[in-house]
Structure formats: structure tokens, C-alpha cells
Amino acid sequence: MQGLRTTIYKVPDLAAAKAWYAKAFQVQPYFDEPFYVGFSVGGYELGLVPDEGNSAKADNVLAYWGVDDIKSEFSRLIDLGATAHEEPTNVGGEILVATIFDPWKNVIGLIYNPEFRLV
């Protein structure tokens, strides 16, 4: 195993999601096709795919995106149209986590972890 590489979110409106995620993650896609939109976020892949079957969403698997200031990022995403799933919470030491729902009800995790280092 080499570690996390890609997180993919299913969305019913790929164009609207592409615009929202570009604002939310403050990066433009490097791959943009009708079947997949890919963003490079800190060396990891954030992908969007069309949800043509309107599949049910679940929060049993979470991907956490690292942030420097979890409270301000949480608020910024809420201002962009996300809704709160779990408010920023200390989970031990200096580590803070939070989750939001994107406008299509995908769960996005945020984590502040000063101990984490890319290998």
C-alpha cells in the first residue's frame, strides 16, 4: 500500500459541481471531460463523476482533507453552500476534525493534524 491517492464524489450536475469544488478547494481541474473531472489537491486526486442513477449517499466512508485552520475552512465551505454534518471537534492532542455535506449531500471531511507529514 502506498497511501491515499483519490477520493471521488458522485454528483448529478457535473458542471455545477465542478464550479463549486473549484471554489471550495481553490484549484482548477487538470482533467475535464463529461465522464470525469479531476483536481490535484496537495498531491492527491479529487474526482467528480456523474451520478446518473441518483444513488443513495452514505457517510460510512470518509476522506479527510487537511487544512491549516479548520474553523475558518468549515465556515468558508458553509458560506459556499455546504451544510454542517459534524462541527469541528478535538479528537485528541491538537487534532481537530469536522465534516460537511456538499450541495449534493456527499460528506467531505476536514482535518487539522499538525503531526501528519507526507512521506
N, C-alpha and C. Protein backbone atom coordinates (compact mmCIF):
# COMPACT_ATOMS: atom_id res chain seq x y z
N MET A 1 0.83 -1.19 0.00
CA MET A 1 0.00 0.00 0.00
C MET A 1 0.87 1.25 0.00
N GLN A 2 0.49 2.22 -0.80
CA GLN A 2 1.24 3.46 -0.89
C GLN A 2 0.52 4.65 -0.27
N GLY A 3 -0.70 4.46 0.19
CA GLY A 3 -1.44 5.55 0.80
C GLY A 3 -2.55 6.07 -0.09
N LEU A 4 -3.31 6.98 0.44
CA LEU A 4 -4.45 7.57 -0.26
C LEU A 4 -4.01 8.22 -1.57
N ARG A 5 -4.76 8.00 -2.63
CA ARG A 5 -4.47 8.64 -3.91
C ARG A 5 -5.64 9.46 -4.43
N THR A 6 -6.87 8.90 -4.35
CA THR A 6 -8.01 9.52 -5.00
C THR A 6 -9.26 9.41 -4.13
N THR A 7 -10.01 10.49 -4.06
CA THR A 7 -11.35 10.48 -3.49
C THR A 7 -12.29 10.95 -4.59
N ILE A 8 -13.36 10.19 -4.82
CA ILE A 8 -14.30 10.51 -5.89
C ILE A 8 -15.69 10.75 -5.29
N TYR A 9 -16.32 11.83 -5.74
CA TYR A 9 -17.67 12.16 -5.33
C TYR A 9 -18.59 12.06 -6.54
N LYS A 10 -19.77 11.44 -6.35
CA LYS A 10 -20.78 11.36 -7.41
C LYS A 10 -21.70 12.56 -7.28
N VAL A 11 -21.97 13.18 -8.42
CA VAL A 11 -22.81 14.39 -8.45
C VAL A 11 -23.77 14.34 -9.63
N PRO A 12 -25.00 14.82 -9.46
CA PRO A 12 -25.96 14.78 -10.57
C PRO A 12 -25.73 15.88 -11.62
N ASP A 13 -25.05 16.96 -11.25
CA ASP A 13 -24.79 18.07 -12.16
C ASP A 13 -23.28 18.33 -12.17
N LEU A 14 -22.59 17.72 -13.12
CA LEU A 14 -21.13 17.78 -13.16
C LEU A 14 -20.62 19.21 -13.33
N ALA A 15 -21.27 20.01 -14.16
CA ALA A 15 -20.82 21.38 -14.39
C ALA A 15 -20.95 22.22 -13.11
N ALA A 16 -22.07 22.11 -12.43
CA ALA A 16 -22.26 22.87 -11.19
C ALA A 16 -21.29 22.40 -10.12
N ALA A 17 -21.08 21.08 -10.03
CA ALA A 17 -20.15 20.54 -9.03
C ALA A 17 -18.73 20.98 -9.33
N LYS A 18 -18.36 20.98 -10.60
CA LYS A 18 -17.01 21.42 -10.98
C LYS A 18 -16.77 22.85 -10.51
N ALA A 19 -17.74 23.72 -10.73
CA ALA A 19 -17.62 25.12 -10.31
C ALA A 19 -17.54 25.23 -8.78
N TRP A 20 -18.38 24.47 -8.07
CA TRP A 20 -18.40 24.53 -6.61
C TRP A 20 -17.08 24.01 -6.03
N TYR A 21 -16.61 22.88 -6.53
CA TYR A 21 -15.37 22.30 -5.99
C TYR A 21 -14.16 23.17 -6.34
N ALA A 22 -14.17 23.82 -7.48
CA ALA A 22 -13.07 24.74 -7.82
C ALA A 22 -13.00 25.87 -6.80
N LYS A 23 -14.16 26.39 -6.40
CA LYS A 23 -14.19 27.43 -5.37
C LYS A 23 -13.84 26.87 -4.00
N ALA A 24 -14.43 25.72 -3.67
CA ALA A 24 -14.24 25.14 -2.33
C ALA A 24 -12.79 24.76 -2.07
N PHE A 25 -12.13 24.16 -3.07
CA PHE A 25 -10.76 23.70 -2.90
C PHE A 25 -9.74 24.68 -3.47
N GLN A 26 -10.22 25.75 -4.05
CA GLN A 26 -9.38 26.83 -4.58
C GLN A 26 -8.34 26.33 -5.57
N VAL A 27 -8.81 25.47 -6.50
CA VAL A 27 -7.95 24.92 -7.54
C VAL A 27 -8.82 24.58 -8.75
N GLN A 28 -8.27 24.74 -9.94
CA GLN A 28 -8.99 24.40 -11.16
C GLN A 28 -8.71 22.95 -11.54
N PRO A 29 -9.64 22.30 -12.23
CA PRO A 29 -9.40 20.91 -12.63
C PRO A 29 -8.26 20.80 -13.64
N TYR A 30 -7.51 19.72 -13.55
CA TYR A 30 -6.47 19.46 -14.54
C TYR A 30 -6.99 18.49 -15.61
N PHE A 31 -8.10 17.81 -15.32
CA PHE A 31 -8.72 16.88 -16.26
C PHE A 31 -10.21 17.19 -16.25
N ASP A 32 -10.76 17.46 -17.44
CA ASP A 32 -12.15 17.93 -17.51
C ASP A 32 -12.84 17.31 -18.72
N GLU A 33 -13.55 16.23 -18.47
CA GLU A 33 -14.29 15.52 -19.51
C GLU A 33 -15.72 15.27 -19.01
N PRO A 34 -16.66 14.96 -19.92
CA PRO A 34 -18.05 14.73 -19.49
C PRO A 34 -18.21 13.53 -18.55
N PHE A 35 -17.25 12.63 -18.51
CA PHE A 35 -17.35 11.43 -17.68
C PHE A 35 -16.53 11.53 -16.39
N TYR A 36 -15.66 12.56 -16.27
CA TYR A 36 -14.80 12.68 -15.09
C TYR A 36 -14.15 14.05 -15.06
N VAL A 37 -14.15 14.66 -13.88
CA VAL A 37 -13.42 15.90 -13.65
C VAL A 37 -12.44 15.63 -12.52
N GLY A 38 -11.15 15.90 -12.77
CA GLY A 38 -10.12 15.62 -11.78
C GLY A 38 -9.39 16.87 -11.33
N PHE A 39 -9.23 17.00 -10.03
CA PHE A 39 -8.48 18.09 -9.42
C PHE A 39 -7.27 17.50 -8.70
N SER A 40 -6.15 18.19 -8.73
CA SER A 40 -4.99 17.80 -7.94
C SER A 40 -4.96 18.71 -6.72
N VAL A 41 -5.13 18.10 -5.54
CA VAL A 41 -5.22 18.86 -4.29
C VAL A 41 -4.10 18.39 -3.38
N GLY A 42 -3.06 19.17 -3.30
CA GLY A 42 -1.95 18.83 -2.42
C GLY A 42 -1.31 17.49 -2.73
N GLY A 43 -1.30 17.11 -4.01
CA GLY A 43 -0.71 15.84 -4.41
C GLY A 43 -1.68 14.67 -4.41
N TYR A 44 -2.94 14.92 -4.06
CA TYR A 44 -3.96 13.87 -4.06
C TYR A 44 -5.02 14.21 -5.10
N GLU A 45 -5.76 13.22 -5.51
CA GLU A 45 -6.78 13.38 -6.55
C GLU A 45 -8.16 13.53 -5.94
N LEU A 46 -8.86 14.57 -6.33
CA LEU A 46 -10.27 14.73 -6.03
C LEU A 46 -10.99 14.58 -7.37
N GLY A 47 -11.85 13.59 -7.47
CA GLY A 47 -12.54 13.33 -8.72
C GLY A 47 -14.04 13.52 -8.58
N LEU A 48 -14.66 13.96 -9.67
CA LEU A 48 -16.11 14.08 -9.75
C LEU A 48 -16.58 13.22 -10.91
N VAL A 49 -17.63 12.44 -10.68
CA VAL A 49 -18.23 11.63 -11.74
C VAL A 49 -19.73 11.87 -11.75
N PRO A 50 -20.35 11.75 -12.93
CA PRO A 50 -21.80 11.94 -13.00
C PRO A 50 -22.53 10.83 -12.23
N ASP A 51 -23.51 11.23 -11.45
CA ASP A 51 -24.37 10.29 -10.74
C ASP A 51 -25.67 10.18 -11.53
N GLU A 52 -25.65 9.32 -12.50
CA GLU A 52 -26.80 9.20 -13.39
C GLU A 52 -27.93 8.40 -12.78
N GLY A 53 -27.65 7.61 -11.74
CA GLY A 53 -28.69 6.79 -11.13
C GLY A 53 -29.26 7.39 -9.87
N ASN A 54 -28.83 8.63 -9.51
CA ASN A 54 -29.29 9.27 -8.29
C ASN A 54 -29.12 8.33 -7.09
N SER A 55 -27.92 7.76 -6.98
CA SER A 55 -27.64 6.77 -5.94
C SER A 55 -27.73 7.38 -4.55
N ALA A 56 -28.05 6.54 -3.59
CA ALA A 56 -28.15 6.97 -2.20
C ALA A 56 -26.76 7.35 -1.69
N LYS A 57 -26.71 8.36 -0.84
CA LYS A 57 -25.45 8.80 -0.25
C LYS A 57 -25.31 8.19 1.13
N ALA A 58 -24.10 7.91 1.53
CA ALA A 58 -23.85 7.36 2.86
C ALA A 58 -22.60 8.01 3.44
N ASP A 59 -22.52 8.01 4.75
CA ASP A 59 -21.32 8.59 5.37
C ASP A 59 -20.54 7.54 6.13
N ASN A 60 -20.55 6.30 5.61
CA ASN A 60 -19.81 5.24 6.28
C ASN A 60 -18.35 5.18 5.86
N VAL A 61 -17.96 5.90 4.82
CA VAL A 61 -16.56 6.04 4.43
C VAL A 61 -16.27 7.53 4.31
N LEU A 62 -15.24 7.99 5.00
CA LEU A 62 -14.92 9.41 5.00
C LEU A 62 -13.50 9.64 4.53
N ALA A 63 -13.32 10.63 3.69
CA ALA A 63 -11.99 11.10 3.32
C ALA A 63 -11.81 12.46 3.97
N TYR A 64 -10.71 12.64 4.68
CA TYR A 64 -10.44 13.90 5.35
C TYR A 64 -9.37 14.66 4.59
N TRP A 65 -9.67 15.92 4.27
CA TRP A 65 -8.74 16.81 3.57
C TRP A 65 -8.08 17.71 4.60
N GLY A 66 -6.76 17.76 4.57
CA GLY A 66 -6.00 18.55 5.54
C GLY A 66 -6.19 20.04 5.35
N VAL A 67 -6.30 20.75 6.45
CA VAL A 67 -6.44 22.21 6.45
C VAL A 67 -5.56 22.79 7.54
N ASP A 68 -5.22 24.06 7.40
CA ASP A 68 -4.42 24.76 8.40
C ASP A 68 -5.28 25.36 9.51
N ASP A 69 -6.50 25.77 9.17
CA ASP A 69 -7.41 26.40 10.13
C ASP A 69 -8.79 25.81 9.92
N ILE A 70 -9.14 24.82 10.70
CA ILE A 70 -10.36 24.05 10.45
C ILE A 70 -11.63 24.89 10.65
N LYS A 71 -11.62 25.78 11.63
CA LYS A 71 -12.83 26.58 11.87
C LYS A 71 -13.11 27.54 10.72
N SER A 72 -12.07 28.18 10.20
CA SER A 72 -12.30 29.11 9.08
C SER A 72 -12.66 28.36 7.80
N GLU A 73 -12.04 27.20 7.55
CA GLU A 73 -12.38 26.41 6.36
C GLU A 73 -13.81 25.87 6.45
N PHE A 74 -14.19 25.39 7.63
CA PHE A 74 -15.55 24.92 7.85
C PHE A 74 -16.54 26.04 7.53
N SER A 75 -16.31 27.22 8.08
CA SER A 75 -17.19 28.38 7.84
C SER A 75 -17.20 28.78 6.38
N ARG A 76 -16.04 28.78 5.73
CA ARG A 76 -15.95 29.17 4.32
C ARG A 76 -16.77 28.23 3.45
N LEU A 77 -16.70 26.92 3.71
CA LEU A 77 -17.46 25.95 2.92
C LEU A 77 -18.96 26.10 3.17
N ILE A 78 -19.35 26.38 4.40
CA ILE A 78 -20.76 26.64 4.70
C ILE A 78 -21.23 27.86 3.91
N ASP A 79 -20.40 28.91 3.87
CA ASP A 79 -20.74 30.12 3.10
C ASP A 79 -20.89 29.83 1.61
N LEU A 80 -20.18 28.80 1.11
CA LEU A 80 -20.27 28.43 -0.30
C LEU A 80 -21.48 27.53 -0.61
N GLY A 81 -22.26 27.17 0.40
CA GLY A 81 -23.45 26.38 0.16
C GLY A 81 -23.42 24.97 0.75
N ALA A 82 -22.34 24.61 1.42
CA ALA A 82 -22.30 23.32 2.12
C ALA A 82 -23.17 23.43 3.38
N THR A 83 -23.50 22.27 3.95
CA THR A 83 -24.22 22.26 5.23
C THR A 83 -23.41 21.46 6.24
N ALA A 84 -23.58 21.81 7.49
CA ALA A 84 -22.83 21.14 8.55
C ALA A 84 -23.26 19.69 8.70
N HIS A 85 -22.29 18.81 8.84
CA HIS A 85 -22.53 17.40 9.18
C HIS A 85 -22.05 17.18 10.61
N GLU A 86 -20.78 17.49 10.88
CA GLU A 86 -20.23 17.45 12.24
C GLU A 86 -19.35 18.68 12.43
N GLU A 87 -19.65 19.46 13.44
CA GLU A 87 -18.90 20.67 13.75
C GLU A 87 -17.44 20.31 14.09
N PRO A 88 -16.50 21.26 13.95
CA PRO A 88 -15.11 20.99 14.34
C PRO A 88 -15.02 20.49 15.78
N THR A 89 -14.30 19.37 15.95
CA THR A 89 -14.19 18.71 17.24
C THR A 89 -12.76 18.25 17.47
N ASN A 90 -12.29 18.42 18.70
CA ASN A 90 -10.98 17.91 19.07
C ASN A 90 -11.10 16.41 19.32
N VAL A 91 -10.24 15.62 18.66
CA VAL A 91 -10.28 14.17 18.81
C VAL A 91 -9.04 13.64 19.52
N GLY A 92 -8.28 14.53 20.12
CA GLY A 92 -7.10 14.13 20.86
C GLY A 92 -5.90 14.97 20.50
N GLY A 93 -5.14 15.37 21.51
CA GLY A 93 -3.98 16.23 21.24
C GLY A 93 -4.41 17.52 20.58
N GLU A 94 -3.73 17.87 19.50
CA GLU A 94 -4.09 19.08 18.75
C GLU A 94 -4.92 18.77 17.51
N ILE A 95 -5.33 17.53 17.33
CA ILE A 95 -6.04 17.10 16.12
C ILE A 95 -7.51 17.48 16.19
N LEU A 96 -7.98 18.18 15.16
CA LEU A 96 -9.37 18.59 15.03
C LEU A 96 -9.94 18.01 13.73
N VAL A 97 -11.19 17.54 13.79
CA VAL A 97 -11.88 17.06 12.59
C VAL A 97 -13.26 17.69 12.50
N ALA A 98 -13.78 17.75 11.28
CA ALA A 98 -15.13 18.23 11.01
C ALA A 98 -15.58 17.62 9.69
N THR A 99 -16.87 17.57 9.48
CA THR A 99 -17.40 17.11 8.19
C THR A 99 -18.55 18.02 7.77
N ILE A 100 -18.67 18.16 6.46
CA ILE A 100 -19.77 18.94 5.87
C ILE A 100 -20.40 18.10 4.77
N PHE A 101 -21.61 18.47 4.39
CA PHE A 101 -22.25 17.93 3.19
C PHE A 101 -22.03 18.93 2.08
N ASP A 102 -21.54 18.47 0.91
CA ASP A 102 -21.51 19.37 -0.24
C ASP A 102 -22.95 19.59 -0.70
N PRO A 103 -23.21 20.45 -1.69
CA PRO A 103 -24.59 20.69 -2.12
C PRO A 103 -25.31 19.45 -2.67
N TRP A 104 -24.57 18.36 -2.93
CA TRP A 104 -25.17 17.14 -3.46
C TRP A 104 -25.21 16.03 -2.41
N LYS A 105 -25.00 16.40 -1.16
CA LYS A 105 -25.08 15.50 0.01
C LYS A 105 -23.92 14.51 0.12
N ASN A 106 -22.79 14.76 -0.55
CA ASN A 106 -21.57 14.00 -0.30
C ASN A 106 -20.94 14.53 0.98
N VAL A 107 -20.37 13.64 1.78
CA VAL A 107 -19.71 14.06 3.01
C VAL A 107 -18.24 14.36 2.71
N ILE A 108 -17.78 15.54 3.10
CA ILE A 108 -16.39 15.95 2.94
C ILE A 108 -15.81 16.13 4.34
N GLY A 109 -14.72 15.43 4.62
CA GLY A 109 -14.06 15.56 5.91
C GLY A 109 -12.94 16.59 5.86
N LEU A 110 -12.77 17.31 6.95
CA LEU A 110 -11.68 18.26 7.13
C LEU A 110 -10.89 17.84 8.35
N ILE A 111 -9.58 17.94 8.28
CA ILE A 111 -8.75 17.59 9.44
C ILE A 111 -7.60 18.57 9.59
N TYR A 112 -7.40 18.99 10.83
CA TYR A 112 -6.19 19.73 11.19
C TYR A 112 -5.37 18.76 12.03
N ASN A 113 -4.23 18.36 11.50
CA ASN A 113 -3.37 17.42 12.20
C ASN A 113 -1.92 17.88 12.05
N PRO A 114 -1.40 18.61 13.03
CA PRO A 114 -0.03 19.12 12.92
C PRO A 114 1.03 18.01 12.96
N GLU A 115 0.65 16.80 13.31
CA GLU A 115 1.60 15.67 13.38
C GLU A 115 1.77 14.97 12.04
N PHE A 116 0.83 15.15 11.11
CA PHE A 116 0.88 14.43 9.83
C PHE A 116 1.95 15.02 8.92
N ARG A 117 2.73 14.16 8.31
CA ARG A 117 3.76 14.57 7.33
C ARG A 117 3.67 13.65 6.12
N LEU A 118 3.72 14.21 4.93
CA LEU A 118 3.78 13.39 3.72
C LEU A 118 5.10 12.64 3.68
N VAL A 119 5.07 11.39 3.30
CA VAL A 119 6.28 10.58 3.24
C VAL A 119 6.99 10.81 1.92
